[in-house]
Amino acid sequence: MTDRPAASPAAEPAAPEIGTRTLVFALLREDGTVDAGELYSVAEALGMTDQQVRLCVKRLVAEGRFTQEGRGRKAVLRAAADPTGAIAPDAEYVRHAYRQDRGLAPWDGTWHLFAFAIPETARQARDALRDALLHLGAAPLQGGLYVAANAIGPIVEAHARHLGVLPSLTRLTSRDLRVGNEDDPARLAAELWPLPAVAERHEALAALAGARLARLSGPDRPTGTERLTYAIELATAFTAAMRPDPLLPPELLPQPWPGARARSLAARCWEALACDADDHAPGRLRLFRLYDGVRNAPSARRRET
């Protein structure tokens, strides 16, 4: 009987790529300030240079997004406006995802269709309406015709009204959608939406959240800088997974769907990060507040194996 080779340790999941500007926005505290000492420390942990940070801060101040008091690592940046919403998914969107994961938003079998014919003279409005539909999880069926599984009609109509093209928008619902010879809802979903790519992003989020959760639950307490780094990495990965996700009802998705597991692990990780009251706690960040609904969701307390 030969000895088996020792198992190699699991590879550390790749952290998401984070831009310097995103880092500054993510470190904005509840009082509207960014501590430069924290900024440089977390930037270093993420592999950024001091020069990158200095240039980014200089640009943000020149743009009027921040004012700066003091110099170097002792400086304090003060936000002119809250920019954190640009680096996190909409809170209601996140809440809907968790309702779906808990079986509280079952699909009623209705497809929501949107058609528009907007002339070239209003190309900018046409492109904006198309982008809004894609952002809301609709999929193109053919030129100017889109379908969604969720009831996004009022939101699409509000966008069209704002863009001045509401008369060009047609809305309808149907329980009988056929594309070619295919009318099975789950198979249609697999044809219309890039589910493998969406699943891959959720797998990456689950791997990162699981690794950070293990570290937060381990015997060696992470430093304040490490906890801040984990929070920003998690927020970036969560956004990267959620923004392209059409949030199809579970009835239309392969099961088990990795999105549900990833969101559960992310919520547990947020909960672990929240259990810290020191001056460098992630809970003091304005970005962290945007995820209150995530870490307080019942799924946050569900254990994964």
Protein backbone atom coordinates (compact mmCIF):
# COMPACT_ATOMS: atom_id res chain seq x y z
CA MET A 1 0.00 0.00 0.00
CA THR A 2 1.57 3.27 -1.10
CA ASP A 3 1.28 6.50 0.79
CA ARG A 4 -1.00 9.08 -0.72
CA PRO A 5 0.55 12.47 -1.38
CA ALA A 6 -0.42 15.14 1.08
CA ALA A 7 -3.31 17.29 -0.08
CA SER A 8 -2.22 20.71 -1.18
CA PRO A 9 -3.90 23.63 0.54
CA ALA A 10 -6.83 25.21 -1.27
CA ALA A 11 -5.82 28.11 -3.45
CA GLU A 12 -6.77 31.54 -2.17
CA PRO A 13 -9.61 32.94 -4.31
CA ALA A 14 -8.61 35.83 -6.51
CA ALA A 15 -9.67 39.16 -5.05
CA PRO A 16 -11.62 41.44 -7.39
CA GLU A 17 -9.76 44.23 -9.14
CA ILE A 18 -10.43 47.50 -7.33
CA GLY A 19 -9.63 50.92 -8.75
CA THR A 20 -8.09 53.67 -6.63
CA ARG A 21 -11.13 55.92 -7.12
CA THR A 22 -13.46 53.12 -6.06
CA LEU A 23 -11.35 52.60 -2.95
CA VAL A 24 -11.66 56.26 -1.93
CA PHE A 25 -15.44 56.16 -2.37
CA ALA A 26 -15.68 52.87 -0.46
CA LEU A 27 -13.81 54.28 2.55
CA LEU A 28 -16.23 57.20 2.95
CA ARG A 29 -17.46 57.20 6.56
CA GLU A 30 -20.86 58.05 7.95
CA ASP A 31 -19.69 61.58 8.75
CA GLY A 32 -18.73 62.16 5.11
CA THR A 33 -14.97 61.92 5.63
CA VAL A 34 -12.19 59.64 4.45
CA ASP A 35 -9.22 59.12 6.78
CA ALA A 36 -6.08 59.30 4.65
CA GLY A 37 -4.21 56.99 7.02
CA GLU A 38 -6.81 54.28 6.41
CA LEU A 39 -6.81 55.04 2.71
CA TYR A 40 -3.05 54.55 2.31
CA SER A 41 -3.01 51.44 4.54
CA VAL A 42 -5.84 49.70 2.68
CA ALA A 43 -4.41 50.77 -0.68
CA GLU A 44 -1.10 49.17 0.28
CA ALA A 45 -2.90 45.96 1.29
CA LEU A 46 -4.55 45.95 -2.14
CA GLY A 47 -1.24 46.41 -3.94
CA MET A 48 -1.60 50.10 -4.80
CA THR A 49 1.25 52.56 -4.54
CA ASP A 50 1.28 55.80 -2.57
CA GLN A 51 1.75 57.66 -5.85
CA GLN A 52 -1.47 56.15 -7.25
CA VAL A 53 -3.36 57.28 -4.15
CA ARG A 54 -1.92 60.79 -4.23
CA LEU A 55 -2.78 61.28 -7.91
CA CYS A 56 -6.31 59.95 -7.38
CA VAL A 57 -6.91 62.24 -4.41
CA LYS A 58 -5.58 65.20 -6.40
CA ARG A 59 -8.02 64.45 -9.25
CA LEU A 60 -11.00 64.02 -6.93
CA VAL A 61 -10.24 67.33 -5.22
CA ALA A 62 -9.82 69.05 -8.61
CA GLU A 63 -13.21 67.66 -9.70
CA GLY A 64 -14.82 69.12 -6.60
CA ARG A 65 -15.88 65.74 -5.24
CA PHE A 66 -13.77 66.12 -2.09
CA THR A 67 -11.99 68.81 -0.13
CA GLN A 68 -8.73 68.02 1.65
CA GLU A 69 -7.67 69.09 5.12
CA GLY A 70 -4.05 68.39 6.02
CA ARG A 71 -1.42 66.51 4.08
CA GLY A 72 -0.22 62.96 3.50
CA ARG A 73 -1.42 60.20 5.79
CA LYS A 74 -2.67 62.71 8.35
CA ALA A 75 -5.06 64.34 5.89
CA VAL A 76 -8.83 64.13 6.00
CA LEU A 77 -10.91 64.12 2.83
CA ARG A 78 -14.42 65.53 3.09
CA ALA A 79 -16.99 64.54 0.46
CA ALA A 80 -18.96 67.24 -1.33
CA ALA A 81 -21.64 64.62 -2.13
CA ASP A 82 -22.25 60.95 -1.37
CA PRO A 83 -20.76 58.93 -4.26
CA THR A 84 -21.12 55.46 -2.73
CA GLY A 85 -24.33 54.62 -4.57
CA ALA A 86 -22.36 54.42 -7.80
CA ILE A 87 -20.37 51.41 -6.52
CA ALA A 88 -23.20 49.36 -5.04
CA PRO A 89 -26.36 47.81 -6.49
CA ASP A 90 -29.73 49.38 -5.71
CA ALA A 91 -30.95 48.41 -2.24
CA GLU A 92 -34.39 47.34 -3.47
CA TYR A 93 -32.75 45.18 -6.11
CA VAL A 94 -30.73 43.43 -3.39
CA ARG A 95 -33.82 42.97 -1.19
CA HIS A 96 -35.69 41.39 -4.11
CA ALA A 97 -32.83 38.95 -4.66
CA TYR A 98 -33.01 37.81 -1.03
CA ARG A 99 -36.80 37.50 -1.21
CA GLN A 100 -36.38 35.23 -4.20
CA ASP A 101 -33.76 33.17 -2.37
CA ARG A 102 -36.20 32.65 0.52
CA GLY A 103 -39.04 31.63 -1.80
CA LEU A 104 -41.01 34.83 -1.09
CA ALA A 105 -41.25 36.01 -4.71
CA PRO A 106 -42.55 33.04 -6.76
CA TRP A 107 -43.02 33.46 -10.49
CA ASP A 108 -46.63 33.68 -11.69
CA GLY A 109 -45.76 32.53 -15.21
CA THR A 110 -46.11 35.98 -16.75
CA TRP A 111 -43.65 37.35 -19.28
CA HIS A 112 -43.35 41.15 -19.51
CA LEU A 113 -42.64 42.45 -23.01
CA PHE A 114 -41.50 45.89 -24.18
CA ALA A 115 -41.35 47.17 -27.74
CA PHE A 116 -40.22 50.52 -29.07
CA ALA A 117 -39.41 52.15 -32.39
CA ILE A 118 -37.49 55.36 -31.74
CA PRO A 119 -36.07 57.27 -34.74
CA GLU A 120 -32.40 57.96 -35.31
CA THR A 121 -32.99 61.62 -34.44
CA ALA A 122 -33.58 60.48 -30.83
CA ARG A 123 -30.73 57.97 -30.82
CA GLN A 124 -29.44 59.01 -27.39
CA ALA A 125 -32.84 58.43 -25.78
CA ARG A 126 -33.22 55.13 -27.65
CA ASP A 127 -29.85 53.90 -26.40
CA ALA A 128 -30.65 55.04 -22.85
CA LEU A 129 -33.96 53.17 -22.85
CA ARG A 130 -32.27 50.04 -24.17
CA ASP A 131 -29.58 50.28 -21.48
CA ALA A 132 -32.25 50.73 -18.80
CA LEU A 133 -34.05 47.58 -19.97
CA LEU A 134 -30.84 45.55 -19.93
CA HIS A 135 -29.93 46.92 -16.49
CA LEU A 136 -33.36 45.86 -15.20
CA GLY A 137 -32.81 42.30 -16.40
CA ALA A 138 -34.66 42.29 -19.71
CA ALA A 139 -33.32 40.30 -22.66
CA PRO A 140 -33.56 41.23 -26.36
CA LEU A 141 -35.82 39.06 -28.49
CA GLN A 142 -35.24 40.98 -31.72
CA GLY A 143 -34.74 44.59 -32.77
CA GLY A 144 -36.66 46.86 -30.40
CA LEU A 145 -38.38 44.00 -28.55
CA TYR A 146 -37.36 42.91 -25.03
CA VAL A 147 -38.68 40.44 -22.48
CA ALA A 148 -38.38 40.24 -18.70
CA ALA A 149 -39.59 37.70 -16.17
CA ASN A 150 -40.09 40.31 -13.44
CA ALA A 151 -42.75 43.04 -13.32
CA ILE A 152 -40.49 45.95 -14.27
CA GLY A 153 -43.12 47.75 -16.38
CA PRO A 154 -43.64 50.79 -14.12
CA ILE A 155 -39.89 51.38 -13.87
CA VAL A 156 -39.41 51.10 -17.64
CA GLU A 157 -42.32 53.46 -18.22
CA ALA A 158 -40.81 55.98 -15.80
CA HIS A 159 -37.52 55.84 -17.72
CA ALA A 160 -39.32 56.31 -21.05
CA ARG A 161 -41.27 59.28 -19.68
CA HIS A 162 -38.09 60.87 -18.35
CA LEU A 163 -36.40 60.39 -21.73
CA GLY A 164 -39.38 61.87 -23.57
CA VAL A 165 -40.13 58.70 -25.58
CA LEU A 166 -43.10 57.28 -23.70
CA PRO A 167 -45.40 57.47 -26.78
CA SER A 168 -42.95 55.16 -28.57
CA LEU A 169 -43.06 52.46 -25.86
CA THR A 170 -45.45 49.50 -26.00
CA ARG A 171 -45.94 47.27 -22.96
CA LEU A 172 -47.71 43.93 -22.82
CA THR A 173 -47.77 40.73 -20.82
CA SER A 174 -48.17 37.16 -21.94
CA ARG A 175 -48.19 33.69 -20.43
CA ASP A 176 -47.49 32.16 -23.84
CA LEU A 177 -44.02 33.03 -25.11
CA ARG A 178 -42.49 31.04 -27.94
CA VAL A 179 -39.14 31.68 -29.63
CA GLY A 180 -38.84 29.52 -32.72
CA ASN A 181 -40.07 26.11 -31.60
CA GLU A 182 -39.21 26.65 -27.94
CA ASP A 183 -41.89 27.53 -25.39
CA ASP A 184 -40.60 25.84 -22.22
CA PRO A 185 -39.93 28.72 -19.77
CA ALA A 186 -36.73 27.33 -18.24
CA ARG A 187 -35.24 26.43 -21.63
CA LEU A 188 -36.24 29.85 -22.98
CA ALA A 189 -34.45 31.49 -20.05
CA ALA A 190 -31.32 29.48 -20.82
CA GLU A 191 -31.44 30.68 -24.43
CA LEU A 192 -32.21 34.34 -23.74
CA TRP A 193 -29.93 35.12 -20.79
CA PRO A 194 -26.17 34.36 -20.38
CA LEU A 195 -26.72 32.22 -17.30
CA PRO A 196 -23.29 30.47 -17.31
CA ALA A 197 -21.50 33.84 -17.18
CA VAL A 198 -23.80 35.08 -14.41
CA ALA A 199 -23.27 31.85 -12.45
CA GLU A 200 -19.49 32.18 -12.81
CA ARG A 201 -19.54 35.62 -11.17
CA HIS A 202 -21.59 34.25 -8.30
CA GLU A 203 -19.17 31.36 -7.86
CA ALA A 204 -16.34 33.89 -7.59
CA LEU A 205 -18.31 35.84 -4.96
CA ALA A 206 -19.03 32.65 -3.00
CA ALA A 207 -15.36 31.65 -3.05
CA LEU A 208 -14.24 35.07 -1.82
CA ALA A 209 -16.96 35.35 0.85
CA GLY A 210 -16.26 31.83 2.08
CA ALA A 211 -12.53 32.46 2.38
CA ARG A 212 -13.00 35.78 4.18
CA LEU A 213 -15.63 34.28 6.47
CA ALA A 214 -13.23 31.49 7.44
CA ARG A 215 -10.58 34.08 8.25
CA LEU A 216 -13.03 36.19 10.29
CA SER A 217 -14.20 33.09 12.17
CA GLY A 218 -10.68 31.80 12.83
CA PRO A 219 -8.58 32.06 15.97
CA ASP A 220 -6.36 34.86 14.61
CA ARG A 221 -8.24 38.13 14.67
CA PRO A 222 -7.75 40.15 11.43
CA THR A 223 -6.35 43.64 11.86
CA GLY A 224 -8.47 46.73 11.33
CA THR A 225 -6.86 47.29 7.94
CA GLU A 226 -7.55 43.68 6.94
CA ARG A 227 -11.22 44.00 7.94
CA LEU A 228 -11.58 47.18 5.90
CA THR A 229 -9.91 45.44 2.97
CA TYR A 230 -12.28 42.46 3.28
CA ALA A 231 -15.31 44.77 3.33
CA ILE A 232 -14.24 46.57 0.16
CA GLU A 233 -13.31 43.35 -1.63
CA LEU A 234 -16.67 41.84 -0.69
CA ALA A 235 -18.63 44.91 -1.80
CA THR A 236 -16.79 44.96 -5.12
CA ALA A 237 -17.35 41.24 -5.76
CA PHE A 238 -21.00 41.48 -4.68
CA THR A 239 -21.61 44.35 -7.10
CA ALA A 240 -19.77 42.54 -9.90
CA ALA A 241 -22.03 39.51 -9.40
CA MET A 242 -25.31 41.38 -8.95
CA ARG A 243 -25.19 44.05 -11.65
CA PRO A 244 -25.34 41.65 -14.64
CA ASP A 245 -27.77 39.28 -12.85
CA PRO A 246 -31.31 39.54 -14.33
CA LEU A 247 -32.68 38.07 -11.06
CA LEU A 248 -34.74 35.48 -12.86
CA PRO A 249 -37.24 33.68 -10.63
CA PRO A 250 -35.90 30.38 -9.23
CA GLU A 251 -38.46 28.53 -11.36
CA LEU A 252 -36.50 29.58 -14.47
CA LEU A 253 -33.01 28.80 -13.18
CA PRO A 254 -30.90 25.63 -12.96
CA GLN A 255 -30.94 24.27 -9.43
CA PRO A 256 -29.07 24.61 -7.21
CA TRP A 257 -28.43 28.15 -8.44
CA PRO A 258 -25.06 29.53 -7.23
CA GLY A 259 -26.49 33.02 -6.77
CA ALA A 260 -28.50 31.98 -3.73
CA ARG A 261 -25.49 30.37 -2.04
CA ALA A 262 -23.22 33.31 -2.88
CA ARG A 263 -25.66 35.83 -1.42
CA SER A 264 -26.07 33.74 1.73
CA LEU A 265 -22.31 33.55 2.25
CA ALA A 266 -21.94 37.26 1.53
CA ALA A 267 -24.62 38.11 4.09
CA ARG A 268 -22.90 35.98 6.73
CA CYS A 269 -19.61 37.68 5.92
CA TRP A 270 -21.19 41.14 6.29
CA GLU A 271 -22.63 40.01 9.61
CA ALA A 272 -19.19 38.91 10.82
CA LEU A 273 -17.65 42.19 9.68
CA ALA A 274 -20.34 44.11 11.56
CA CYS A 275 -19.33 42.51 14.87
CA ASP A 276 -16.58 45.02 15.51
CA ALA A 277 -16.85 48.30 17.36
CA ASP A 278 -13.29 49.67 17.06
CA ASP A 279 -12.43 52.88 15.26
CA HIS A 280 -11.46 51.06 12.06
CA ALA A 281 -14.58 48.90 11.88
CA PRO A 282 -16.17 48.50 8.41
CA GLY A 283 -19.52 49.33 10.03
CA ARG A 284 -18.44 52.97 10.16
CA LEU A 285 -18.30 53.14 6.35
CA ARG A 286 -21.18 54.69 4.42
CA LEU A 287 -20.85 51.91 1.84
CA PHE A 288 -21.41 49.35 4.60
CA ARG A 289 -24.75 50.96 5.43
CA LEU A 290 -25.98 50.19 1.91
CA TYR A 291 -25.73 46.50 2.78
CA ASP A 292 -27.80 46.65 5.97
CA GLY A 293 -30.57 44.74 4.25
CA VAL A 294 -28.05 42.10 3.21
CA ARG A 295 -26.53 41.35 6.57
CA ASN A 296 -29.91 41.54 8.36
CA ALA A 297 -31.61 39.21 5.90
CA PRO A 298 -32.81 35.88 7.37
CA SER A 299 -30.63 34.08 4.83
CA ALA A 300 -27.62 35.58 6.59
CA ARG A 301 -28.22 33.16 9.43
CA ARG A 302 -28.57 30.10 7.23
CA ARG A 303 -25.48 27.91 7.41
CA GLU A 304 -23.82 26.62 4.25
CA THR A 305 -21.98 23.34 4.10
